N, C-alpha and C. Protein backbone atom coordinates (compact mmCIF):
# COMPACT_ATOMS: atom_id res chain seq x y z
N MET A 1 -138.22 -7.13 -40.90
CA MET A 1 -137.95 -8.89 -40.67
C MET A 1 -138.99 -9.96 -41.55
N GLN A 2 -139.04 -11.00 -41.41
CA GLN A 2 -139.62 -11.77 -42.45
C GLN A 2 -140.40 -12.69 -41.16
N ARG A 3 -140.92 -12.53 -41.31
CA ARG A 3 -141.90 -13.48 -40.04
C ARG A 3 -142.26 -15.21 -40.37
N LEU A 4 -142.30 -15.66 -39.58
CA LEU A 4 -141.96 -17.34 -39.82
C LEU A 4 -142.71 -18.10 -40.23
N GLY A 5 -144.15 -17.38 -39.94
CA GLY A 5 -145.38 -18.16 -39.67
C GLY A 5 -145.90 -18.30 -38.71
N CYS A 6 -147.17 -19.45 -38.83
CA CYS A 6 -148.41 -19.33 -37.84
C CYS A 6 -148.30 -20.51 -37.89
N ARG A 7 -148.01 -21.48 -36.69
CA ARG A 7 -148.77 -22.80 -36.33
C ARG A 7 -149.37 -23.19 -36.02
N VAL A 8 -150.42 -23.83 -36.43
CA VAL A 8 -151.74 -24.30 -35.67
C VAL A 8 -151.73 -26.15 -34.99
N LYS A 9 -152.28 -25.80 -33.29
CA LYS A 9 -151.43 -26.24 -32.58
C LYS A 9 -153.14 -27.54 -32.86
N PRO A 10 -152.71 -29.00 -32.47
CA PRO A 10 -153.98 -30.06 -33.36
C PRO A 10 -154.89 -29.20 -32.27
N PHE A 11 -155.72 -28.56 -31.56
CA PHE A 11 -156.74 -28.53 -31.12
C PHE A 11 -157.55 -27.05 -31.22
N GLY A 12 -156.56 -26.43 -32.47
CA GLY A 12 -156.93 -25.56 -33.12
C GLY A 12 -156.68 -23.76 -32.56
N VAL A 13 -155.80 -24.10 -31.35
CA VAL A 13 -155.23 -23.34 -30.60
C VAL A 13 -154.02 -22.58 -31.43
N LYS A 14 -153.75 -21.34 -31.66
CA LYS A 14 -153.15 -20.42 -32.75
C LYS A 14 -151.86 -20.19 -32.02
N MET A 15 -150.65 -20.81 -32.38
CA MET A 15 -149.03 -20.06 -31.76
C MET A 15 -149.06 -18.61 -32.06
N PRO A 16 -147.97 -18.31 -31.39
CA PRO A 16 -147.95 -17.04 -31.65
C PRO A 16 -146.60 -16.15 -33.11
N ALA A 17 -146.79 -16.01 -33.94
CA ALA A 17 -145.06 -15.76 -35.00
C ALA A 17 -144.19 -15.72 -34.49
N LEU A 18 -143.11 -16.19 -34.70
CA LEU A 18 -141.58 -16.68 -33.87
C LEU A 18 -141.07 -15.59 -35.39
N SER A 19 -140.58 -14.07 -34.81
CA SER A 19 -139.55 -14.57 -35.73
C SER A 19 -138.23 -14.06 -35.58
N ALA A 20 -137.07 -13.49 -36.17
CA ALA A 20 -135.92 -14.15 -36.39
C ALA A 20 -135.43 -13.54 -35.20
N ARG A 21 -135.50 -12.14 -34.96
CA ARG A 21 -135.07 -11.89 -34.09
C ARG A 21 -135.02 -11.85 -32.76
N ARG A 22 -136.27 -12.44 -32.88
CA ARG A 22 -137.54 -13.33 -30.82
C ARG A 22 -136.52 -14.31 -31.57
N LEU A 23 -136.36 -15.13 -31.98
CA LEU A 23 -135.81 -16.14 -31.91
C LEU A 23 -133.55 -15.90 -31.74
N PHE A 24 -133.46 -14.95 -31.98
CA PHE A 24 -131.72 -14.18 -31.75
C PHE A 24 -131.51 -13.66 -30.47
N ARG A 25 -132.83 -13.34 -30.02
CA ARG A 25 -133.06 -12.41 -28.42
C ARG A 25 -133.18 -14.16 -26.92
N THR A 26 -132.81 -15.05 -27.49
CA THR A 26 -132.87 -16.08 -26.57
C THR A 26 -131.28 -15.89 -25.63
N SER A 27 -131.95 -16.58 -24.36
CA SER A 27 -130.99 -16.06 -23.29
C SER A 27 -129.47 -16.64 -23.30
N PRO A 28 -128.61 -15.89 -22.65
CA PRO A 28 -127.39 -16.38 -23.41
C PRO A 28 -127.24 -17.88 -22.09
N ALA A 29 -127.46 -17.84 -21.02
CA ALA A 29 -127.91 -19.03 -20.02
C ALA A 29 -128.74 -20.09 -20.76
N VAL A 30 -129.55 -20.08 -21.58
CA VAL A 30 -130.46 -21.21 -22.22
C VAL A 30 -129.14 -21.79 -23.68
N VAL A 31 -128.34 -21.02 -24.06
CA VAL A 31 -127.56 -21.53 -24.97
C VAL A 31 -126.39 -21.78 -24.92
N LEU A 32 -125.86 -21.30 -24.10
CA LEU A 32 -124.61 -22.21 -22.66
C LEU A 32 -125.52 -23.29 -22.45
N ALA A 33 -126.58 -23.64 -21.71
CA ALA A 33 -127.37 -25.26 -21.47
C ALA A 33 -127.29 -25.97 -22.75
N LEU A 34 -127.82 -25.10 -23.58
CA LEU A 34 -127.91 -26.55 -25.07
C LEU A 34 -126.35 -26.72 -25.36
N ALA A 35 -125.57 -25.91 -25.30
CA ALA A 35 -124.00 -26.03 -25.55
C ALA A 35 -123.57 -27.09 -25.44
N ALA A 36 -123.49 -27.00 -23.94
CA ALA A 36 -122.94 -27.57 -23.01
C ALA A 36 -123.46 -29.24 -22.91
N SER A 37 -125.21 -29.81 -23.20
CA SER A 37 -125.35 -30.68 -22.82
C SER A 37 -125.43 -31.28 -24.75
N VAL A 38 -125.33 -30.34 -25.31
CA VAL A 38 -124.70 -31.39 -26.65
C VAL A 38 -123.53 -31.93 -26.56
N ALA A 39 -122.36 -31.13 -25.57
CA ALA A 39 -121.08 -30.98 -25.76
C ALA A 39 -120.71 -32.88 -24.49
N ALA A 40 -121.89 -32.53 -24.41
CA ALA A 40 -121.64 -33.87 -22.78
C ALA A 40 -122.31 -35.25 -23.94
N ALA A 41 -123.37 -34.85 -24.21
CA ALA A 41 -123.99 -36.09 -25.80
C ALA A 41 -122.83 -36.91 -25.84
N GLN A 42 -121.79 -35.64 -26.67
CA GLN A 42 -120.90 -36.75 -28.08
C GLN A 42 -119.62 -36.84 -27.38
N SER A 43 -119.71 -36.26 -26.46
CA SER A 43 -118.34 -36.82 -25.16
C SER A 43 -118.11 -38.59 -24.60
N PRO A 44 -117.38 -38.76 -25.23
CA PRO A 44 -117.10 -40.28 -24.75
C PRO A 44 -117.18 -40.40 -22.92
N ASP A 45 -117.72 -41.13 -22.39
CA ASP A 45 -117.16 -41.49 -21.39
C ASP A 45 -116.28 -42.17 -20.05
N ILE A 46 -115.33 -40.52 -19.64
CA ILE A 46 -114.19 -40.40 -18.63
C ILE A 46 -113.80 -41.05 -18.05
N ALA A 47 -115.22 -41.60 -17.07
CA ALA A 47 -115.25 -41.66 -15.79
C ALA A 47 -115.05 -43.36 -15.92
N PRO A 48 -113.72 -43.87 -15.74
CA PRO A 48 -112.96 -45.70 -15.64
C PRO A 48 -114.09 -46.58 -14.62
N ASP A 49 -114.62 -47.53 -15.14
CA ASP A 49 -115.35 -48.75 -14.78
C ASP A 49 -114.20 -48.96 -12.94
N THR A 50 -114.69 -48.82 -12.23
CA THR A 50 -114.08 -48.37 -10.84
C THR A 50 -114.78 -50.22 -10.04
N ARG A 51 -115.80 -50.74 -10.80
CA ARG A 51 -116.05 -52.21 -10.57
C ARG A 51 -114.74 -52.83 -10.54
N ALA A 52 -114.46 -53.33 -8.86
CA ALA A 52 -113.81 -54.43 -8.76
C ALA A 52 -114.50 -55.54 -8.97
N GLY A 53 -115.78 -56.10 -9.07
CA GLY A 53 -116.57 -57.18 -9.65
C GLY A 53 -117.81 -56.84 -8.97
N THR A 54 -118.62 -58.38 -9.31
CA THR A 54 -120.45 -58.11 -9.03
C THR A 54 -120.32 -59.53 -7.83
N PHE A 55 -121.41 -59.15 -7.74
CA PHE A 55 -122.22 -60.13 -5.82
C PHE A 55 -122.75 -61.51 -6.86
N LYS A 56 -122.56 -62.53 -6.77
CA LYS A 56 -122.83 -63.18 -7.72
C LYS A 56 -124.29 -64.08 -6.87
N GLN A 57 -123.95 -64.66 -5.36
CA GLN A 57 -124.82 -64.46 -4.57
C GLN A 57 -125.01 -63.97 -3.51
N VAL A 58 -126.29 -63.65 -2.77
CA VAL A 58 -126.01 -63.12 -1.25
C VAL A 58 -127.28 -64.20 -0.52
N GLN A 59 -127.04 -64.68 0.57
CA GLN A 59 -127.95 -65.60 1.41
C GLN A 59 -127.23 -64.67 3.24
N GLY A 60 -128.68 -64.68 3.70
CA GLY A 60 -129.28 -63.43 4.61
C GLY A 60 -128.68 -62.40 4.55
N GLU A 61 -127.95 -62.31 6.32
CA GLU A 61 -127.18 -60.66 6.15
C GLU A 61 -126.44 -60.57 5.73
N VAL A 62 -125.91 -59.41 4.50
CA VAL A 62 -124.61 -59.00 3.57
C VAL A 62 -124.78 -57.87 3.71
N ARG A 63 -123.77 -57.05 4.24
CA ARG A 63 -124.00 -55.61 4.40
C ARG A 63 -122.62 -54.99 3.61
N LEU A 64 -122.67 -54.20 2.79
CA LEU A 64 -121.39 -53.44 2.15
C LEU A 64 -121.43 -52.15 2.21
N GLY A 65 -120.14 -51.84 3.15
CA GLY A 65 -119.81 -50.59 3.66
C GLY A 65 -119.77 -50.53 5.45
N GLY A 66 -118.99 -49.54 6.00
CA GLY A 66 -118.68 -49.27 7.53
C GLY A 66 -119.92 -48.67 7.75
N GLY A 67 -119.73 -49.01 9.20
CA GLY A 67 -121.00 -48.51 10.59
C GLY A 67 -121.92 -49.52 10.02
N ASP A 68 -123.49 -49.26 9.46
CA ASP A 68 -124.44 -49.83 9.32
C ASP A 68 -123.80 -50.84 7.43
N GLY A 69 -123.37 -49.52 7.68
CA GLY A 69 -122.99 -50.47 5.55
C GLY A 69 -125.13 -50.75 5.12
N ARG A 70 -124.42 -50.56 3.75
CA ARG A 70 -126.20 -51.14 3.62
C ARG A 70 -126.11 -52.87 2.57
N ALA A 71 -127.47 -52.60 3.07
CA ALA A 71 -127.75 -54.78 2.35
C ALA A 71 -127.29 -54.87 0.57
N VAL A 72 -126.57 -56.13 0.43
CA VAL A 72 -126.16 -56.11 -0.72
C VAL A 72 -127.35 -57.03 -0.95
N GLN A 73 -127.45 -56.87 -2.95
CA GLN A 73 -128.41 -57.57 -3.54
C GLN A 73 -127.09 -58.51 -4.50
N PRO A 74 -127.94 -59.55 -5.35
CA PRO A 74 -127.17 -59.92 -6.22
C PRO A 74 -126.97 -59.15 -7.79
N GLY A 75 -126.02 -59.45 -7.93
CA GLY A 75 -125.69 -58.16 -9.20
C GLY A 75 -125.00 -57.19 -9.23
N GLU A 76 -124.78 -56.57 -7.53
CA GLU A 76 -124.41 -55.28 -7.26
C GLU A 76 -122.63 -55.52 -7.70
N ALA A 77 -122.43 -53.58 -7.63
CA ALA A 77 -120.90 -53.83 -7.37
C ALA A 77 -119.80 -54.08 -6.36
N VAL A 78 -119.14 -54.49 -6.45
CA VAL A 78 -118.20 -54.40 -5.36
C VAL A 78 -116.94 -53.41 -6.06
N ARG A 79 -116.09 -52.94 -5.57
CA ARG A 79 -115.37 -51.70 -5.58
C ARG A 79 -113.80 -52.29 -5.01
N ALA A 80 -112.90 -51.89 -5.07
CA ALA A 80 -111.61 -51.35 -4.04
C ALA A 80 -111.78 -50.49 -2.96
N GLY A 81 -111.40 -51.18 -1.55
CA GLY A 81 -111.43 -49.69 -0.54
C GLY A 81 -113.02 -50.29 -0.28
N GLU A 82 -113.79 -51.09 -0.69
CA GLU A 82 -115.22 -51.53 0.19
C GLU A 82 -114.79 -52.46 1.40
N ARG A 83 -115.80 -52.52 2.48
CA ARG A 83 -115.32 -53.79 3.70
C ARG A 83 -117.35 -54.03 3.88
N ILE A 84 -116.91 -55.35 3.52
CA ILE A 84 -117.71 -56.88 2.96
C ILE A 84 -117.97 -57.18 4.14
N ARG A 85 -119.04 -57.35 4.92
CA ARG A 85 -119.79 -58.06 6.17
C ARG A 85 -120.64 -59.17 6.27
N THR A 86 -121.09 -60.39 6.46
CA THR A 86 -121.62 -60.79 6.44
C THR A 86 -122.46 -61.14 8.35
N GLY A 87 -123.66 -61.35 8.86
CA GLY A 87 -124.31 -61.71 9.20
C GLY A 87 -124.16 -62.99 9.72
N GLN A 88 -124.90 -63.69 10.60
CA GLN A 88 -124.99 -64.91 11.41
C GLN A 88 -125.47 -65.53 10.68
N ASP A 89 -126.19 -65.71 9.81
CA ASP A 89 -126.99 -66.30 8.73
C ASP A 89 -126.35 -65.86 7.57
N GLY A 90 -124.95 -65.23 7.81
CA GLY A 90 -125.23 -64.34 5.83
C GLY A 90 -124.26 -65.31 5.50
N ALA A 91 -123.80 -65.45 4.14
CA ALA A 91 -123.05 -65.36 3.25
C ALA A 91 -123.02 -64.78 1.85
N ALA A 92 -121.72 -64.36 1.25
CA ALA A 92 -121.85 -64.20 -0.10
C ALA A 92 -120.85 -64.46 -1.15
N SER A 93 -121.27 -65.00 -1.96
CA SER A 93 -119.84 -64.49 -2.86
C SER A 93 -119.43 -63.96 -4.54
N MET A 94 -118.54 -63.55 -4.38
CA MET A 94 -118.81 -62.07 -5.41
C MET A 94 -117.76 -62.73 -6.50
N VAL A 95 -117.69 -62.49 -7.58
CA VAL A 95 -117.05 -62.70 -8.74
C VAL A 95 -115.80 -61.58 -9.51
N LEU A 96 -114.41 -61.57 -9.68
CA LEU A 96 -114.01 -60.01 -9.33
C LEU A 96 -113.71 -60.18 -10.82
N LYS A 97 -113.13 -59.24 -11.32
CA LYS A 97 -112.94 -59.27 -13.12
C LYS A 97 -112.09 -59.68 -14.07
N ASP A 98 -110.71 -60.50 -12.88
CA ASP A 98 -110.01 -61.15 -13.53
C ASP A 98 -109.94 -62.80 -12.76
N GLY A 99 -111.52 -63.08 -12.75
CA GLY A 99 -111.98 -64.02 -12.58
C GLY A 99 -111.84 -64.99 -11.30
N THR A 100 -111.32 -64.04 -10.22
CA THR A 100 -111.74 -65.00 -9.46
C THR A 100 -112.88 -65.06 -8.57
N VAL A 101 -112.95 -66.10 -8.26
CA VAL A 101 -113.90 -65.67 -7.40
C VAL A 101 -113.59 -66.04 -5.20
N MET A 102 -114.46 -65.11 -4.66
CA MET A 102 -114.50 -65.07 -3.00
C MET A 102 -115.70 -65.36 -2.44
N VAL A 103 -115.63 -66.47 -1.75
CA VAL A 103 -117.52 -66.49 -1.22
C VAL A 103 -116.38 -66.02 0.73
N LEU A 104 -117.79 -65.20 1.01
CA LEU A 104 -117.48 -65.64 1.94
C LEU A 104 -118.90 -66.22 3.19
N GLY A 105 -117.88 -66.82 4.32
CA GLY A 105 -118.76 -67.71 5.43
C GLY A 105 -120.07 -66.81 6.37
N PRO A 106 -120.87 -67.44 7.47
CA PRO A 106 -121.08 -66.61 7.98
C PRO A 106 -120.05 -65.54 8.95
N ASP A 107 -120.98 -64.83 9.37
CA ASP A 107 -120.05 -63.31 10.44
C ASP A 107 -118.82 -63.43 10.10
N SER A 108 -118.64 -63.10 9.09
CA SER A 108 -117.42 -62.25 8.72
C SER A 108 -116.88 -61.19 8.11
N THR A 109 -115.53 -60.94 7.66
CA THR A 109 -115.45 -59.36 7.56
C THR A 109 -114.62 -59.22 6.76
N ALA A 110 -114.41 -58.16 5.77
CA ALA A 110 -113.38 -58.81 4.68
C ALA A 110 -113.42 -57.35 4.20
N ASP A 111 -111.84 -56.68 3.81
CA ASP A 111 -111.74 -55.36 3.19
C ASP A 111 -111.36 -56.16 2.29
N LEU A 112 -111.66 -55.19 1.51
CA LEU A 112 -110.97 -55.11 -0.28
C LEU A 112 -110.11 -54.17 -0.45
N SER A 113 -109.08 -54.26 0.45
CA SER A 113 -108.12 -53.01 0.24
C SER A 113 -107.39 -52.50 -1.55
N GLN A 114 -107.19 -53.45 -1.73
CA GLN A 114 -106.63 -53.42 -2.97
C GLN A 114 -106.99 -54.24 -4.33
N TYR A 115 -107.76 -53.24 -5.52
CA TYR A 115 -107.87 -54.05 -6.12
C TYR A 115 -107.65 -53.39 -7.55
N ARG A 116 -106.19 -54.17 -8.83
CA ARG A 116 -106.81 -53.59 -9.95
C ARG A 116 -106.44 -54.40 -11.11
N PHE A 117 -107.09 -54.67 -12.19
CA PHE A 117 -106.33 -55.69 -13.06
C PHE A 117 -106.60 -55.35 -14.48
N ASP A 118 -106.19 -55.09 -15.43
CA ASP A 118 -105.90 -54.58 -16.28
C ASP A 118 -106.22 -55.82 -17.56
N SER A 119 -107.52 -56.22 -17.94
CA SER A 119 -107.71 -57.38 -19.06
C SER A 119 -106.80 -57.17 -20.12
N THR A 120 -106.14 -56.22 -20.54
CA THR A 120 -105.68 -56.40 -21.65
C THR A 120 -104.10 -56.39 -21.76
N THR A 121 -103.57 -56.38 -20.63
CA THR A 121 -101.80 -56.35 -19.77
C THR A 121 -101.81 -57.06 -18.82
N GLN A 122 -102.73 -57.61 -18.86
CA GLN A 122 -103.41 -59.01 -17.67
C GLN A 122 -102.34 -58.66 -15.79
N GLU A 123 -102.22 -57.14 -15.90
CA GLU A 123 -101.49 -56.02 -14.87
C GLU A 123 -102.54 -56.78 -13.70
N GLY A 124 -102.00 -56.21 -12.14
CA GLY A 124 -102.57 -55.51 -11.79
C GLY A 124 -102.34 -56.53 -10.31
N ASN A 125 -103.16 -55.94 -9.12
CA ASN A 125 -102.78 -56.33 -7.81
C ASN A 125 -103.82 -56.87 -7.46
N LEU A 126 -104.57 -57.29 -6.48
CA LEU A 126 -105.13 -57.50 -5.09
C LEU A 126 -104.57 -57.91 -3.46
N LEU A 127 -105.05 -56.88 -3.00
CA LEU A 127 -105.28 -57.04 -1.42
C LEU A 127 -106.43 -57.62 -0.80
N VAL A 128 -106.17 -58.33 -0.14
CA VAL A 128 -107.90 -58.92 1.33
C VAL A 128 -107.77 -58.95 2.52
N GLU A 129 -107.91 -58.14 3.08
CA GLU A 129 -107.78 -58.48 4.44
C GLU A 129 -108.90 -58.88 5.50
N LEU A 130 -108.83 -60.07 6.02
CA LEU A 130 -109.73 -61.26 6.51
C LEU A 130 -109.67 -60.40 7.66
N LEU A 131 -110.88 -59.52 8.45
CA LEU A 131 -110.34 -59.35 9.42
C LEU A 131 -111.06 -60.77 10.99
N GLN A 132 -112.56 -60.87 10.02
CA GLN A 132 -112.55 -62.31 11.13
C GLN A 132 -113.40 -62.82 10.11
N GLY A 133 -114.16 -64.20 10.56
CA GLY A 133 -114.12 -65.63 9.68
C GLY A 133 -113.55 -66.17 8.92
N SER A 134 -114.78 -66.61 8.04
CA SER A 134 -114.22 -67.26 6.76
C SER A 134 -114.28 -66.80 5.50
N MET A 135 -113.34 -67.32 4.57
CA MET A 135 -113.43 -67.05 3.31
C MET A 135 -112.66 -67.74 2.39
N ARG A 136 -113.43 -68.35 1.67
CA ARG A 136 -112.81 -69.20 -0.06
C ARG A 136 -112.63 -68.27 -0.91
N VAL A 137 -111.44 -68.90 -1.72
CA VAL A 137 -110.81 -68.02 -2.84
C VAL A 137 -110.49 -69.21 -4.11
N VAL A 138 -111.41 -69.06 -5.05
CA VAL A 138 -110.74 -69.42 -5.83
C VAL A 138 -110.03 -68.58 -7.11
N THR A 139 -108.81 -68.84 -7.13
CA THR A 139 -108.12 -67.13 -8.44
C THR A 139 -108.38 -67.59 -9.31
N GLY A 140 -108.31 -66.29 -9.67
CA GLY A 140 -108.34 -66.24 -11.42
C GLY A 140 -107.31 -66.16 -11.98
N LEU A 141 -107.03 -65.26 -12.85
CA LEU A 141 -106.08 -65.01 -13.87
C LEU A 141 -105.25 -63.94 -13.23
N LEU A 142 -105.39 -63.50 -12.11
CA LEU A 142 -104.57 -62.04 -11.82
C LEU A 142 -103.60 -63.32 -11.03
N ALA A 143 -103.86 -64.09 -10.31
CA ALA A 143 -103.46 -65.44 -9.44
C ALA A 143 -101.65 -66.12 -9.52
N ARG A 144 -102.86 -66.58 -11.38
CA ARG A 144 -102.06 -67.09 -12.20
C ARG A 144 -100.85 -66.85 -13.05
N VAL A 145 -101.22 -65.14 -13.38
CA VAL A 145 -99.94 -64.48 -13.85
C VAL A 145 -98.68 -63.81 -13.44
N ASN A 146 -99.59 -62.45 -12.01
CA ASN A 146 -98.76 -62.18 -11.48
C ASN A 146 -99.15 -62.51 -10.03
N PRO A 147 -98.87 -63.90 -9.61
CA PRO A 147 -99.09 -64.83 -7.89
C PRO A 147 -98.24 -63.59 -6.66
N GLU A 148 -97.09 -62.98 -7.27
CA GLU A 148 -96.53 -62.48 -6.11
C GLU A 148 -97.61 -61.20 -5.75
N ARG A 149 -98.73 -60.92 -6.36
CA ARG A 149 -99.69 -59.68 -6.38
C ARG A 149 -101.08 -60.30 -5.79
N PHE A 150 -100.86 -61.44 -5.73
CA PHE A 150 -101.91 -61.69 -4.73
C PHE A 150 -102.21 -61.72 -3.20
N LYS A 151 -102.22 -61.23 -2.41
CA LYS A 151 -101.85 -61.11 -1.28
C LYS A 151 -103.75 -61.06 -0.31
N VAL A 152 -103.51 -62.56 0.72
CA VAL A 152 -104.75 -62.56 1.93
C VAL A 152 -104.26 -61.29 3.28
N LYS A 153 -104.21 -61.12 4.27
CA LYS A 153 -104.16 -60.89 4.98
C LYS A 153 -105.32 -61.32 6.58
N THR A 154 -104.19 -61.35 7.41
CA THR A 154 -105.68 -61.70 8.76
C THR A 154 -105.23 -60.84 9.29
N PRO A 155 -105.74 -60.27 10.97
CA PRO A 155 -104.53 -60.34 12.03
C PRO A 155 -103.33 -60.73 12.65
N THR A 156 -103.47 -61.84 12.21
CA THR A 156 -102.07 -62.80 12.46
C THR A 156 -100.86 -62.67 11.59
N ALA A 157 -101.89 -62.81 10.00
CA ALA A 157 -100.82 -63.10 9.03
C ALA A 157 -101.16 -62.69 7.36
N VAL A 158 -99.83 -62.66 6.82
CA VAL A 158 -99.94 -62.15 5.11
C VAL A 158 -99.40 -63.24 4.57
N VAL A 159 -100.64 -64.15 3.47
CA VAL A 159 -100.61 -65.22 2.89
C VAL A 159 -100.45 -64.74 0.99
N GLY A 160 -99.39 -64.57 0.55
CA GLY A 160 -99.27 -65.51 -0.36
C GLY A 160 -100.08 -65.85 -1.11
N VAL A 161 -100.05 -65.98 -1.84
CA VAL A 161 -101.18 -66.92 -2.78
C VAL A 161 -100.71 -67.88 -3.88
N ARG A 162 -99.90 -68.83 -3.93
CA ARG A 162 -99.61 -69.71 -4.94
C ARG A 162 -100.21 -70.93 -5.84
N GLY A 163 -101.68 -71.06 -4.82
CA GLY A 163 -102.39 -72.39 -5.28
C GLY A 163 -103.26 -71.54 -6.13
N THR A 164 -104.90 -72.46 -6.44
CA THR A 164 -105.70 -71.32 -7.47
C THR A 164 -106.76 -72.06 -5.89
N ASP A 165 -107.13 -72.84 -5.13
CA ASP A 165 -108.61 -73.04 -4.37
C ASP A 165 -108.10 -72.98 -2.63
N PHE A 166 -108.18 -72.21 -1.85
CA PHE A 166 -107.69 -72.59 -0.79
C PHE A 166 -108.76 -71.87 0.18
N ILE A 167 -108.87 -71.99 1.45
CA ILE A 167 -109.49 -71.69 2.88
C ILE A 167 -108.63 -70.94 3.66
N VAL A 168 -109.29 -69.72 3.71
CA VAL A 168 -108.43 -69.06 5.53
C VAL A 168 -109.52 -68.48 6.30
N GLU A 169 -109.59 -68.75 7.57
CA GLU A 169 -110.16 -68.79 9.01
C GLU A 169 -109.31 -67.51 9.52
N ALA A 170 -110.11 -66.97 10.16
CA ALA A 170 -109.46 -65.31 10.73
C ALA A 170 -110.23 -65.37 11.98
N ASN A 171 -109.66 -65.51 13.16
CA ASN A 171 -109.68 -65.58 14.65
C ASN A 171 -109.70 -63.85 15.08
N PRO A 172 -110.40 -62.45 15.63
CA PRO A 172 -110.20 -61.64 16.15
C PRO A 172 -109.40 -61.57 17.08
N ARG A 173 -109.35 -62.39 18.03
CA ARG A 173 -108.39 -62.26 18.91
C ARG A 173 -108.09 -63.86 18.45
N PRO A 174 -106.92 -64.51 18.50
CA PRO A 174 -106.67 -64.83 18.36
C PRO A 174 -106.03 -65.82 19.06
N GLU A 175 -106.09 -67.39 19.11
CA GLU A 175 -105.88 -68.10 20.35
C GLU A 175 -104.45 -67.74 20.54
N PRO A 176 -103.61 -68.33 21.75
CA PRO A 176 -101.97 -68.45 21.99
C PRO A 176 -102.14 -70.25 21.69
N LEU A 177 -100.74 -70.38 20.28
CA LEU A 177 -100.38 -71.53 20.27
C LEU A 177 -100.77 -72.70 21.00
N TYR A 178 -100.17 -72.27 22.00
CA TYR A 178 -99.62 -73.90 22.83
C TYR A 178 -101.27 -73.67 23.43
N TYR A 179 -102.56 -73.22 23.63
CA TYR A 179 -103.92 -73.15 23.81
C TYR A 179 -104.44 -73.84 22.93
N TYR A 180 -104.57 -73.27 21.22
CA TYR A 180 -104.63 -74.21 20.27
C TYR A 180 -104.09 -76.08 20.18
N LEU A 181 -102.53 -75.74 20.64
CA LEU A 181 -102.17 -77.05 20.68
C LEU A 181 -103.00 -77.80 21.28
N ARG A 182 -103.06 -77.25 23.04
CA ARG A 182 -103.56 -78.48 23.70
C ARG A 182 -104.99 -79.11 23.56
N HIS A 183 -105.47 -77.42 22.94
CA HIS A 183 -107.03 -78.24 22.93
C HIS A 183 -107.13 -78.90 21.47
N HIS A 184 -106.71 -78.55 20.54
CA HIS A 184 -106.94 -79.75 19.63
C HIS A 184 -106.22 -80.81 19.31
N TRP A 185 -104.99 -81.10 19.67
CA TRP A 185 -104.59 -82.25 19.39
C TRP A 185 -105.26 -83.63 20.00
N SER A 186 -105.53 -84.70 19.16
CA SER A 186 -106.04 -85.17 19.78
C SER A 186 -106.10 -85.88 20.48
N ASP A 187 -104.11 -86.54 19.88
CA ASP A 187 -103.60 -86.83 21.64
C ASP A 187 -102.19 -85.97 22.41
N ASP A 188 -102.20 -86.20 23.45
CA ASP A 188 -101.40 -85.43 24.00
C ASP A 188 -99.76 -85.44 24.85
N SER A 189 -99.88 -86.84 23.88
CA SER A 189 -98.60 -87.23 24.24
C SER A 189 -97.35 -86.70 23.11
N ARG A 190 -98.04 -86.22 22.38
CA ARG A 190 -97.42 -85.02 21.51
C ARG A 190 -96.37 -83.92 22.02
N LEU A 191 -97.09 -83.64 22.35
CA LEU A 191 -96.94 -82.34 23.25
C LEU A 191 -95.74 -82.54 24.80
N ARG A 192 -95.45 -83.56 24.90
CA ARG A 192 -94.78 -83.80 25.89
C ARG A 192 -93.04 -84.42 25.19
N ARG A 193 -92.79 -84.46 24.22
CA ARG A 193 -91.70 -84.86 23.59
C ARG A 193 -91.11 -83.45 23.17
């Protein structure tokens, strides 16, 4: 067998000559690992983008996920199925892929239960469950193209959206209607009619 020669390292240390036989006795595990890394580098990214949107502004305490969750920073992703919670001093705004803007007020909890949007076909759906607090929504392309697939749910109602800008409030323990009417109307004479 012919020797491939000897190379000199920069500091004058000689490296052993590498024979063809020695080169081909390389471990099969190393060969498989190299082949797998080359295949992975050449294959397209198979995992779809699961990002529903991005947090644009975050103020005070804002957490993502169940339990204590994790703190949210501007630029972070929000995904379908995630819970967003704001503290007493917290607020957050996020922009979804279809251009919908959602702003959660202080002491709010919302689940982005369903979100899917295909920018090519403009098909998709959205279901947000506001469990408590307040939320302002400025609808995007999804509500304009498929208004019947854009819904906001609270503990007492499911709202089908037809408008472009609205505010929803949810109380985790809603007051009975008669209590609300009695304490929020300015003229009690309306109740006697």
